[in-house]
Amino acid sequence: MYYTPWQFNDAATKACGLAYNGTKVVDGVETHAWDRVYSINVWRVETGLTPITMMAEWNHTVHHWLKFHV
């Protein structure tokens, strides 16, 4: 129930190109990275060992902004 709006937000940033982070070469294969801006990392939220890491991954962009600019 809570992950759906966050995933829609991630889809919107990818659709308009804000999340595009360029190309990376891994094992000789060129891949596109879409990880510049993202809202939630579901795997890290669900498997986080401490509440601090879970909250940092819940709303990653806002956490990053608060950490470095406020």
Protein backbone atom coordinates (compact mmCIF):
# COMPACT_ATOMS: atom_id res chain seq x y z
CA MET A 1 0.00 0.00 0.00
CA TYR A 2 2.80 2.43 0.84
CA TYR A 3 5.23 1.44 -1.90
CA THR A 4 2.90 2.13 -4.84
CA PRO A 5 2.98 5.97 -4.70
CA TRP A 6 6.75 5.93 -4.24
CA GLN A 7 7.18 3.66 -7.24
CA PHE A 8 4.96 5.96 -9.33
CA ASN A 9 7.19 8.85 -8.27
CA ASP A 10 10.28 6.90 -9.37
CA ALA A 11 8.62 6.08 -12.68
CA ALA A 12 7.83 9.75 -13.27
CA THR A 13 11.43 10.86 -12.64
CA LYS A 14 12.68 8.16 -15.01
CA ALA A 15 10.09 9.08 -17.67
CA CYS A 16 11.12 12.75 -17.73
CA GLY A 17 14.84 11.93 -17.64
CA LEU A 18 15.76 13.30 -14.22
CA ALA A 19 16.96 9.90 -13.01
CA TYR A 20 19.31 9.24 -15.94
CA ASN A 21 22.91 8.92 -14.75
CA GLY A 22 24.70 8.12 -18.01
CA THR A 23 26.13 4.88 -19.28
CA LYS A 24 28.37 2.48 -17.41
CA VAL A 25 30.47 -0.36 -18.78
CA VAL A 26 30.24 -3.57 -16.74
CA ASP A 27 32.11 -6.65 -18.00
CA GLY A 28 32.36 -5.16 -21.47
CA VAL A 29 28.63 -4.49 -21.71
CA GLU A 30 27.42 -0.90 -21.84
CA THR A 31 24.34 -0.33 -19.67
CA HIS A 32 22.29 2.75 -18.87
CA ALA A 33 22.07 3.80 -15.23
CA TRP A 34 18.79 5.27 -13.95
CA ASP A 35 19.85 5.91 -10.36
CA ARG A 36 20.52 9.63 -10.07
CA VAL A 37 17.20 10.46 -8.39
CA TYR A 38 15.08 7.84 -6.65
CA SER A 39 12.64 7.96 -3.78
CA ILE A 40 12.78 4.55 -2.19
CA ASN A 41 14.92 1.45 -2.27
CA VAL A 42 12.44 -1.23 -1.21
CA TRP A 43 15.05 -3.94 -0.68
CA ARG A 44 17.14 -1.78 1.67
CA VAL A 45 14.06 -0.61 3.58
CA GLU A 46 12.82 -4.14 4.17
CA THR A 47 16.21 -5.67 5.01
CA GLY A 48 17.79 -2.75 6.88
CA LEU A 49 19.51 -3.69 10.10
CA THR A 50 19.04 -0.35 11.86
CA PRO A 51 16.19 2.15 11.86
CA ILE A 52 18.59 4.85 10.67
CA THR A 53 19.44 3.01 7.44
CA MET A 54 15.79 2.11 6.88
CA MET A 55 14.66 5.73 7.22
CA ALA A 56 17.52 6.95 5.03
CA GLU A 57 16.35 4.67 2.22
CA TRP A 58 12.63 5.34 2.68
CA ASN A 59 12.71 8.84 1.20
CA HIS A 60 16.23 8.92 -0.16
CA THR A 61 16.13 12.23 -2.03
CA VAL A 62 14.76 14.21 0.91
CA HIS A 63 17.18 12.52 3.30
CA HIS A 64 20.09 13.41 1.00
CA TRP A 65 18.92 17.04 0.75
CA LEU A 66 18.50 17.38 4.52
CA LYS A 67 21.88 15.80 5.19
CA PHE A 68 23.90 18.06 2.89
CA HIS A 69 21.94 21.31 2.68
CA VAL A 70 20.11 21.87 5.97
